[in-house]
Protein backbone atom coordinates (compact mmCIF):
# COMPACT_ATOMS: atom_id res chain seq x y z
CA MET A 1 -11.19 5.68 -16.81
CA ALA A 2 -13.67 7.24 -14.37
CA LYS A 3 -14.91 3.78 -13.38
CA GLY A 4 -11.33 2.68 -12.63
CA LEU A 5 -10.66 5.74 -10.46
CA LEU A 6 -14.00 5.31 -8.68
CA TRP A 7 -13.26 1.73 -7.64
CA LEU A 8 -9.74 2.75 -6.63
CA THR A 9 -11.21 5.44 -4.33
CA ILE A 10 -13.81 3.06 -2.88
CA LEU A 11 -11.09 0.47 -2.35
CA GLY A 12 -8.94 3.06 -0.59
CA LEU A 13 -11.69 4.11 1.80
CA TRP A 14 -12.56 0.55 2.61
CA LEU A 15 -8.92 -0.39 3.15
CA ALA A 16 -8.38 2.58 5.45
CA SER A 17 -11.21 1.50 7.71
CA ARG A 18 -9.87 -2.07 7.84
CA VAL A 19 -6.21 -1.15 8.26
CA LEU A 20 -6.79 1.18 11.19
CA ALA A 21 -9.00 -1.26 13.15
CA ALA A 22 -7.00 -4.54 13.19
CA PRO A 23 -3.58 -5.52 14.60
CA ILE A 24 -0.67 -5.99 12.18
CA ASP A 25 0.79 -9.52 11.93
CA ILE A 26 4.21 -9.44 10.21
CA ARG A 27 6.34 -12.47 9.38
CA SER A 28 9.75 -12.51 7.72
CA ASP A 29 13.12 -14.28 7.66
CA ARG A 30 14.71 -11.55 9.79
CA MET A 31 13.71 -8.58 11.93
CA GLU A 32 15.92 -5.78 13.19
CA VAL A 33 14.74 -2.98 15.47
CA LEU A 34 16.73 0.25 15.51
CA GLU A 35 15.39 1.89 18.69
CA ASP A 36 17.39 5.12 18.31
CA GLU A 37 16.05 5.63 14.77
CA LYS A 38 12.61 4.23 15.70
CA ILE A 39 12.53 1.82 12.77
CA ALA A 40 11.74 -1.89 12.59
CA VAL A 41 13.12 -3.60 9.47
CA PHE A 42 11.69 -6.91 8.25
CA THR A 43 13.76 -8.66 5.59
CA GLY A 44 13.23 -11.74 3.44
CA LYS A 45 9.89 -13.28 2.48
CA VAL A 46 7.94 -10.56 4.27
CA GLU A 47 4.25 -11.21 4.71
CA ALA A 48 2.05 -8.77 6.60
CA ARG A 49 -1.63 -9.12 7.48
CA LYS A 50 -4.01 -6.60 8.89
CA GLY A 51 -7.53 -7.94 8.97
CA ASP A 52 -8.10 -9.51 5.56
CA LEU A 53 -5.56 -7.26 3.84
CA ARG A 54 -2.33 -9.06 2.89
CA LEU A 55 1.01 -7.63 1.78
CA TRP A 56 4.11 -9.43 0.52
CA ALA A 57 7.50 -7.81 -0.12
CA ASP A 58 11.23 -8.44 0.01
CA LYS A 59 11.65 -5.82 2.75
CA LEU A 60 9.34 -3.81 5.02
CA TYR A 61 10.34 -0.76 7.05
CA VAL A 62 8.03 0.23 9.90
CA TYR A 63 8.67 3.78 11.14
CA TYR A 64 7.20 4.57 14.54
CA ARG A 65 7.17 7.05 17.39
CA VAL A 66 6.83 6.32 21.10
CA VAL A 67 3.94 8.03 22.89
CA ASP A 68 3.21 7.23 26.55
CA GLY A 69 5.49 4.21 26.35
CA ARG A 70 3.68 2.74 23.31
CA ARG A 71 4.90 2.48 19.74
CA GLN A 72 2.67 4.21 17.19
CA VAL A 73 3.21 3.46 13.51
CA GLN A 74 3.87 6.56 11.41
CA LYS A 75 4.86 5.11 8.05
CA LEU A 76 5.25 1.74 6.32
CA VAL A 77 7.61 1.29 3.35
CA ALA A 78 7.50 -1.99 1.42
CA LEU A 79 10.25 -2.62 -1.14
CA GLY A 80 10.86 -5.24 -3.80
CA ASN A 81 8.21 -7.42 -5.41
CA VAL A 82 5.42 -5.71 -3.47
CA ARG A 83 2.07 -7.42 -3.76
CA ILE A 84 -1.08 -6.31 -1.95
CA GLU A 85 -4.35 -8.26 -2.02
CA LYS A 86 -7.80 -7.68 -0.64
CA ASP A 87 -10.94 -9.48 -1.82
CA GLY A 88 -11.34 -8.85 -5.56
CA TRP A 89 -8.46 -6.41 -5.95
CA ARG A 90 -4.70 -6.73 -6.06
CA SER A 91 -1.67 -4.60 -6.84
CA LEU A 92 1.90 -5.19 -7.90
CA SER A 93 4.67 -2.62 -7.60
CA GLY A 94 8.31 -2.24 -6.70
CA LYS A 95 7.52 0.09 -3.80
CA ALA A 96 4.53 0.90 -1.59
CA VAL A 97 4.51 3.63 1.07
CA TYR A 98 1.70 4.22 3.56
CA PHE A 99 1.70 7.54 5.45
CA LYS A 100 -0.49 7.04 8.50
CA ASP A 101 -0.93 10.69 9.60
CA GLU A 102 -1.90 11.71 6.06
CA ASP A 103 -3.80 8.45 5.48
CA ARG A 104 -2.20 8.15 2.05
CA LEU A 105 -0.91 5.15 0.08
CA VAL A 106 1.64 5.63 -2.71
CA LEU A 107 2.51 2.82 -5.14
CA GLU A 108 5.62 3.35 -7.29
CA ASP A 109 8.05 1.46 -9.52
CA GLN A 110 5.74 0.18 -12.26
CA PRO A 111 2.54 -0.07 -10.21
CA ARG A 112 -0.38 -2.07 -11.57
CA VAL A 113 -3.73 -2.29 -9.80
CA TRP A 114 -6.53 -4.73 -10.66
CA HIS A 115 -10.11 -5.01 -9.54
CA GLY A 116 -11.53 -8.15 -11.09
CA LYS A 117 -10.37 -7.86 -14.70
CA ASP A 118 -10.17 -4.04 -14.71
CA GLU A 119 -6.63 -2.67 -14.48
CA VAL A 120 -4.87 0.69 -14.15
CA ARG A 121 -1.17 1.40 -14.71
CA GLY A 122 0.98 4.47 -14.38
CA ALA A 123 4.25 5.73 -12.95
CA VAL A 124 2.63 6.40 -9.56
CA VAL A 125 -0.71 5.42 -8.02
CA ILE A 126 -1.76 7.53 -5.01
CA ILE A 127 -4.78 6.93 -2.81
CA TYR A 128 -5.79 9.84 -0.54
CA PHE A 129 -8.08 8.15 1.96
CA LYS A 130 -9.05 11.31 3.91
CA GLU A 131 -9.93 13.19 0.72
CA ASN A 132 -11.90 10.32 -0.83
CA ARG A 133 -9.87 10.43 -4.05
CA SER A 134 -7.09 8.71 -5.96
CA GLU A 135 -4.70 9.55 -8.76
CA VAL A 136 -2.75 7.63 -11.37
CA LEU A 137 0.18 9.70 -12.61
CA SER A 138 2.30 9.44 -15.73
CA ARG A 139 5.99 10.24 -15.99
CA GLY A 140 8.55 10.54 -18.75
CA GLY A 141 6.03 10.82 -21.57
CA ARG A 142 4.44 7.46 -20.79
CA PRO A 143 0.65 7.72 -20.49
CA VAL A 144 -1.60 6.41 -17.76
CA GLU A 145 -3.31 3.21 -18.88
CA ALA A 146 -6.75 1.94 -17.85
CA TYR A 147 -8.33 -1.30 -19.04
CA VAL A 148 -12.02 -1.38 -18.13
CA TYR A 149 -14.24 -4.33 -19.00
CA THR A 150 -17.93 -3.50 -19.39
CA GLU A 151 -19.28 -7.03 -19.32
């Protein structure tokens, strides 16, 4: 269990450094920008890339604020068949939310995270990048599960 949480934390720190440095390339079937609400909504076969991090989802909401005439991303919400991949790790969930100011990633709706063959499951997986830690939470009496291969 400790090994699984350690690699999740290392993964989170590494992802944070990559995500903040590269531009975001988003492709989808449709895009709608709601300027008054400061939201961009990407719908249908969403694929987003930032460096060598890739995300797929049915829908992606990008919440932003405008500072000095430039849009600054505040939060990303991916919904439906969310898949995230980076090198030897991948995750599947129904929902993923990244809070930029808090530098926190929350995976919900049956999240599963793999690194190689190792896997963790729970009701919620949270990576706190600034605090160098991660959590896998249970809910409704269902335990957290970790499958760690030693060889």
